[in-house]
Amino acid sequence: MNSETLNRSADSIAPRALYIEVADRLRRLIQSHAMAPGEWIDEQALATQYGISRTPLREALKVLATEGMVVLKPRRGCYVAQISGGDLEEIYPIMALLEGECAAGAARRASDADLAELATLHQALEDSAAARDIDRFFDANQRFHLLIHHIAGNRRMAQMIDELRAVLKLQRHDSLYLEGRLVASLEEHRMLMAALRAHDAEAARATMQLHIESSRRALGG
């Protein structure tokens, strides 16, 4: 067995980083609202509860901060992210415009290979919706939108959208539990896929904007 094979073997059995496991646990607590929006996170208590030092805990919180699930406040600690109705009113219209432009760009630029990859992700949406697996649907939805951003080819626009989506991550996830929202979201994705396959930029833009606005209305706006 050569050194390259040994290195590959070592990589395949390397233990998962502790902070990633901690981030997964905290993410589940936040998504289930066991840790409420706006709640202060007691780092010392959590470190004691999990039997770990505060170093991996803080690394985990940094991961969640980049996802928009927690907010790190200098000299005040870490809090579960909390979004007001006013924040939603400001953010969603901007996101609808930017996402709509990305969808239009993707419709114009998508290759057959791009469309095949989108179709695979769309099938994951169909399958997870049929199983009523909200977490899997949300993950597939994230990857579907990220691929549209990539195909559109506007790096700065994609970065702005990513920042907005991170801020709204918990709200977007929770909206899928609201009555009728999962079915409506899936139908909107079907319409969007049809527009992308037809390379119809205007239909893709309008459908994406409808999709984002529908998510906002589901939250009570």
Foldseek 3Di string as FASTA:
>chain_A
DDPVVVVVVCVVPPDDDPLVVLLVVVVVCLLVCVAPAFHFDDQVVVCVVVVHDSVSVVVSLVVLVLLQQWDQDPPPHIGGHDDDPVNLVVLLVVLLQLLLLLLLLLLQQPDPVLLVVLVVLLVQLVVCVVVVPLVSNLVSVVVNSLSSNVRSPDVVSSVVNSVSCSNCVSLLSVLCPQPPLSVVLSVLSVQLSVSSVVSPSVSNSVSSSVNSVVSSVSSPD
